[in-house]
Amino acid sequence: MAGRPRIIDGGDLGALVDADRNRDCVHYLARHQPSCHSDPGEALIRSAEKCGDWIAYSPSFGQHVALVTDRRIFALGLGQRSVCYRLPPTLSAIALRTGATEAGEIGSDWVRFELFRPDWPTPDLPFWTLKAYAAARAGEKWDPSGASR
């Protein structure tokens, strides 16, 4: 059953997430303070409509958009056209074969889909958002080598 999202504009991301389970991503966001155009931000939020309990967070909705569940960041909207997902290794491999690229600057378990990419099919954001959400809710943990723990 899909839940109602909470949209939080401003405030402290640290109050919404577990620091240990989000260390790489939080460090990336603090260091780079990436922007997010409204197109990927809105596309990401719309793609989560079938997910259950989640929060859409942005320090200011001109900056990145983070989707959070169970105190874990599972998706990010960045820049003019990027949507990024935190995925377990098996799904990450599939995403990479279907048009995603590695997003190692965020963390070893992140992939990036570019929206509005010429001559490429549009990524299935609802599918990938739901998969990233489900992995985060399951509490899956994986290490930088890609092996599940």
C-alpha atoms as a PDB file:
ATOM      1  CA  MET A   1       0.000   0.000   0.000  1.00  0.00           C
ATOM      2  CA  ALA A   2       1.398   3.360  -0.955  1.00  0.00           C
ATOM      3  CA  GLY A   3       1.821   5.875   1.813  1.00  0.00           C
ATOM      4  CA  ARG A   4       1.649   9.613   1.850  1.00  0.00           C
ATOM      5  CA  PRO A   5       4.998  11.294   1.491  1.00  0.00           C
ATOM      6  CA  ARG A   6       6.195  13.955   3.834  1.00  0.00           C
ATOM      7  CA  ILE A   7       7.927  16.764   1.994  1.00  0.00           C
ATOM      8  CA  ILE A   8      10.508  18.584   4.065  1.00  0.00           C
ATOM      9  CA  ASP A   9      11.980  21.781   2.675  1.00  0.00           C
ATOM     10  CA  GLY A  10      14.889  22.891   4.833  1.00  0.00           C
ATOM     11  CA  GLY A  11      16.216  21.754   8.147  1.00  0.00           C
ATOM     12  CA  ASP A  12      18.846  19.212   9.059  1.00  0.00           C
ATOM     13  CA  LEU A  13      19.150  16.029   6.990  1.00  0.00           C
ATOM     14  CA  GLY A  14      21.058  14.501   9.906  1.00  0.00           C
ATOM     15  CA  ALA A  15      17.871  14.504  11.971  1.00  0.00           C
ATOM     16  CA  LEU A  16      16.152  12.326   9.345  1.00  0.00           C
ATOM     17  CA  VAL A  17      18.829   9.720   8.609  1.00  0.00           C
ATOM     18  CA  ASP A  18      21.085   7.284  10.422  1.00  0.00           C
ATOM     19  CA  ALA A  19      24.628   8.660  10.131  1.00  0.00           C
ATOM     20  CA  ASP A  20      26.294   5.234   9.978  1.00  0.00           C
ATOM     21  CA  ARG A  21      24.062   3.826   7.231  1.00  0.00           C
ATOM     22  CA  ASN A  22      24.344   6.997   5.113  1.00  0.00           C
ATOM     23  CA  ARG A  23      27.923   8.105   5.742  1.00  0.00           C
ATOM     24  CA  ASP A  24      29.135   8.281   2.103  1.00  0.00           C
ATOM     25  CA  CYS A  25      25.994   9.956   0.781  1.00  0.00           C
ATOM     26  CA  VAL A  26      25.781  12.536   3.583  1.00  0.00           C
ATOM     27  CA  HIS A  27      29.467  13.329   3.144  1.00  0.00           C
ATOM     28  CA  TYR A  28      28.973  13.775  -0.619  1.00  0.00           C
ATOM     29  CA  LEU A  29      25.970  16.082  -0.125  1.00  0.00           C
ATOM     30  CA  ALA A  30      27.749  18.192   2.508  1.00  0.00           C
ATOM     31  CA  ARG A  31      30.943  18.482   0.461  1.00  0.00           C
ATOM     32  CA  HIS A  32      29.365  19.236  -2.940  1.00  0.00           C
ATOM     33  CA  GLN A  33      26.016  20.827  -2.013  1.00  0.00           C
ATOM     34  CA  PRO A  34      24.609  19.775  -5.412  1.00  0.00           C
ATOM     35  CA  SER A  35      21.743  21.579  -7.061  1.00  0.00           C
ATOM     36  CA  CYS A  36      18.663  19.939  -8.527  1.00  0.00           C
ATOM     37  CA  HIS A  37      16.548  21.318 -11.341  1.00  0.00           C
ATOM     38  CA  SER A  38      12.811  20.948 -10.816  1.00  0.00           C
ATOM     39  CA  ASP A  39      12.496  18.359 -13.632  1.00  0.00           C
ATOM     40  CA  PRO A  40      14.508  15.520 -12.025  1.00  0.00           C
ATOM     41  CA  GLY A  41      13.316  16.485  -8.545  1.00  0.00           C
ATOM     42  CA  GLU A  42       9.652  16.327  -9.513  1.00  0.00           C
ATOM     43  CA  ALA A  43      10.171  13.171 -11.613  1.00  0.00           C
ATOM     44  CA  LEU A  44      11.803  11.456  -8.645  1.00  0.00           C
ATOM     45  CA  ILE A  45       9.021  12.440  -6.238  1.00  0.00           C
ATOM     46  CA  ARG A  46       6.319  11.305  -8.722  1.00  0.00           C
ATOM     47  CA  SER A  47       8.148   8.005  -9.254  1.00  0.00           C
ATOM     48  CA  ALA A  48       7.784   7.146  -5.541  1.00  0.00           C
ATOM     49  CA  GLU A  49       3.972   7.195  -5.527  1.00  0.00           C
ATOM     50  CA  LYS A  50       3.757   3.394  -5.113  1.00  0.00           C
ATOM     51  CA  CYS A  51       6.248   3.331  -2.267  1.00  0.00           C
ATOM     52  CA  GLY A  52       5.030   3.199   1.316  1.00  0.00           C
ATOM     53  CA  ASP A  53       6.462   5.366   4.083  1.00  0.00           C
ATOM     54  CA  TRP A  54       9.008   7.861   2.762  1.00  0.00           C
ATOM     55  CA  ILE A  55      10.178  11.443   3.063  1.00  0.00           C
ATOM     56  CA  ALA A  56      11.240  13.815   0.282  1.00  0.00           C
ATOM     57  CA  TYR A  57      13.893  16.107   1.740  1.00  0.00           C
ATOM     58  CA  SER A  58      15.702  19.097   0.303  1.00  0.00           C
ATOM     59  CA  PRO A  59      17.686  21.737   2.150  1.00  0.00           C
ATOM     60  CA  SER A  60      15.920  24.086  -0.272  1.00  0.00           C
ATOM     61  CA  PHE A  61      13.988  22.768  -3.261  1.00  0.00           C
ATOM     62  CA  GLY A  62      16.549  24.377  -5.560  1.00  0.00           C
ATOM     63  CA  GLN A  63      19.127  21.961  -4.161  1.00  0.00           C
ATOM     64  CA  HIS A  64      19.257  18.178  -4.256  1.00  0.00           C
ATOM     65  CA  VAL A  65      16.173  16.112  -3.477  1.00  0.00           C
ATOM     66  CA  ALA A  66      16.692  13.052  -1.273  1.00  0.00           C
ATOM     67  CA  LEU A  67      14.154  10.289  -0.738  1.00  0.00           C
ATOM     68  CA  VAL A  68      14.448   8.730   2.715  1.00  0.00           C
ATOM     69  CA  THR A  69      12.805   5.710   4.312  1.00  0.00           C
ATOM     70  CA  ASP A  70      13.613   3.958   7.554  1.00  0.00           C
ATOM     71  CA  ARG A  71      16.315   6.624   8.141  1.00  0.00           C
ATOM     72  CA  ARG A  72      18.132   5.560   4.946  1.00  0.00           C
ATOM     73  CA  ILE A  73      18.595   7.662   1.801  1.00  0.00           C
ATOM     74  CA  PHE A  74      17.585   5.533  -1.171  1.00  0.00           C
ATOM     75  CA  ALA A  75      17.336   8.010  -4.061  1.00  0.00           C
ATOM     76  CA  LEU A  76      18.608  11.433  -5.077  1.00  0.00           C
ATOM     77  CA  GLY A  77      17.628  13.978  -7.701  1.00  0.00           C
ATOM     78  CA  LEU A  78      20.683  15.952  -8.812  1.00  0.00           C
ATOM     79  CA  GLY A  79      21.593  18.568 -11.361  1.00  0.00           C
ATOM     80  CA  GLN A  80      19.705  19.225 -14.575  1.00  0.00           C
ATOM     81  CA  ARG A  81      18.850  15.599 -15.359  1.00  0.00           C
ATOM     82  CA  SER A  82      20.221  13.016 -12.917  1.00  0.00           C
ATOM     83  CA  VAL A  83      18.328  10.587 -10.735  1.00  0.00           C
ATOM     84  CA  CYS A  84      20.480   8.342  -8.545  1.00  0.00           C
ATOM     85  CA  TYR A  85      19.604   5.164  -6.654  1.00  0.00           C
ATOM     86  CA  ARG A  86      21.202   3.188  -3.871  1.00  0.00           C
ATOM     87  CA  LEU A  87      20.933  -0.434  -4.964  1.00  0.00           C
ATOM     88  CA  PRO A  88      22.226  -3.816  -3.822  1.00  0.00           C
ATOM     89  CA  PRO A  89      24.852  -5.387  -6.130  1.00  0.00           C
ATOM     90  CA  THR A  90      22.497  -7.626  -8.136  1.00  0.00           C
ATOM     91  CA  LEU A  91      20.182  -4.744  -9.020  1.00  0.00           C
ATOM     92  CA  SER A  92      23.075  -2.386  -9.578  1.00  0.00           C
ATOM     93  CA  ALA A  93      24.470  -4.758 -12.206  1.00  0.00           C
ATOM     94  CA  ILE A  94      21.109  -4.831 -14.005  1.00  0.00           C
ATOM     95  CA  ALA A  95      20.824  -1.034 -13.839  1.00  0.00           C
ATOM     96  CA  LEU A  96      24.298  -0.655 -15.354  1.00  0.00           C
ATOM     97  CA  ARG A  97      23.368  -2.981 -18.211  1.00  0.00           C
ATOM     98  CA  THR A  98      20.207  -0.981 -18.905  1.00  0.00           C
ATOM     99  CA  GLY A  99      21.685   2.509 -19.171  1.00  0.00           C
ATOM    100  CA  ALA A 100      22.740   3.587 -15.693  1.00  0.00           C
ATOM    101  CA  THR A 101      26.287   4.642 -14.878  1.00  0.00           C
ATOM    102  CA  GLU A 102      28.187   4.231 -11.642  1.00  0.00           C
ATOM    103  CA  ALA A 103      27.794   7.091  -9.184  1.00  0.00           C
ATOM    104  CA  GLY A 104      30.815   6.271  -7.048  1.00  0.00           C
ATOM    105  CA  GLU A 105      31.225   9.901  -6.019  1.00  0.00           C
ATOM    106  CA  ILE A 106      28.082   9.406  -3.878  1.00  0.00           C
ATOM    107  CA  GLY A 107      28.954   5.924  -2.641  1.00  0.00           C
ATOM    108  CA  SER A 108      29.962   2.519  -3.935  1.00  0.00           C
ATOM    109  CA  ASP A 109      26.359   1.293  -4.025  1.00  0.00           C
ATOM    110  CA  TRP A 110      24.910   4.176  -6.084  1.00  0.00           C
ATOM    111  CA  VAL A 111      23.978   4.338  -9.787  1.00  0.00           C
ATOM    112  CA  ARG A 112      22.902   7.291 -11.910  1.00  0.00           C
ATOM    113  CA  PHE A 113      20.285   7.494 -14.634  1.00  0.00           C
ATOM    114  CA  GLU A 114      20.372  10.500 -16.933  1.00  0.00           C
ATOM    115  CA  LEU A 115      16.978  11.826 -17.938  1.00  0.00           C
ATOM    116  CA  PHE A 116      16.427  13.404 -21.347  1.00  0.00           C
ATOM    117  CA  ARG A 117      19.314  11.443 -22.874  1.00  0.00           C
ATOM    118  CA  PRO A 118      19.166  11.626 -26.690  1.00  0.00           C
ATOM    119  CA  ASP A 119      18.750   8.330 -28.528  1.00  0.00           C
ATOM    120  CA  TRP A 120      18.198   6.363 -25.299  1.00  0.00           C
ATOM    121  CA  PRO A 121      14.972   5.000 -23.860  1.00  0.00           C
ATOM    122  CA  THR A 122      13.558   6.886 -20.895  1.00  0.00           C
ATOM    123  CA  PRO A 123      14.562   5.153 -17.631  1.00  0.00           C
ATOM    124  CA  ASP A 124      11.736   3.413 -15.789  1.00  0.00           C
ATOM    125  CA  LEU A 125      11.920   5.622 -12.683  1.00  0.00           C
ATOM    126  CA  PRO A 126       8.944   4.045 -10.850  1.00  0.00           C
ATOM    127  CA  PHE A 127      10.596   0.612 -11.196  1.00  0.00           C
ATOM    128  CA  TRP A 128      14.008   1.746  -9.938  1.00  0.00           C
ATOM    129  CA  THR A 129      12.552   3.922  -7.180  1.00  0.00           C
ATOM    130  CA  LEU A 130      10.479   1.011  -5.884  1.00  0.00           C
ATOM    131  CA  LYS A 131      13.488  -1.360  -6.018  1.00  0.00           C
ATOM    132  CA  ALA A 132      15.719   1.108  -4.136  1.00  0.00           C
ATOM    133  CA  TYR A 133      12.923   1.754  -1.628  1.00  0.00           C
ATOM    134  CA  ALA A 134      12.362  -1.985  -1.043  1.00  0.00           C
ATOM    135  CA  ALA A 135      16.095  -2.587  -0.501  1.00  0.00           C
ATOM    136  CA  ALA A 136      16.260   0.280   2.000  1.00  0.00           C
ATOM    137  CA  ARG A 137      13.172  -0.990   3.859  1.00  0.00           C
ATOM    138  CA  ALA A 138      14.602  -4.516   3.985  1.00  0.00           C
ATOM    139  CA  GLY A 139      17.601  -3.079   5.792  1.00  0.00           C
ATOM    140  CA  GLU A 140      20.012  -4.617   3.353  1.00  0.00           C
ATOM    141  CA  LYS A 141      23.599  -3.645   3.971  1.00  0.00           C
ATOM    142  CA  TRP A 142      26.413  -4.158   1.539  1.00  0.00           C
ATOM    143  CA  ASP A 143      30.071  -3.279   1.646  1.00  0.00           C
ATOM    144  CA  PRO A 144      32.144  -1.268  -0.880  1.00  0.00           C
ATOM    145  CA  SER A 145      33.323  -4.444  -2.581  1.00  0.00           C
ATOM    146  CA  GLY A 146      29.720  -5.068  -3.588  1.00  0.00           C
ATOM    147  CA  ALA A 147      29.217  -8.141  -1.403  1.00  0.00           C
ATOM    148  CA  SER A 148      26.110  -8.270   0.772  1.00  0.00           C
ATOM    149  CA  ARG A 149      26.599  -8.547   4.490  1.00  0.00           C
END
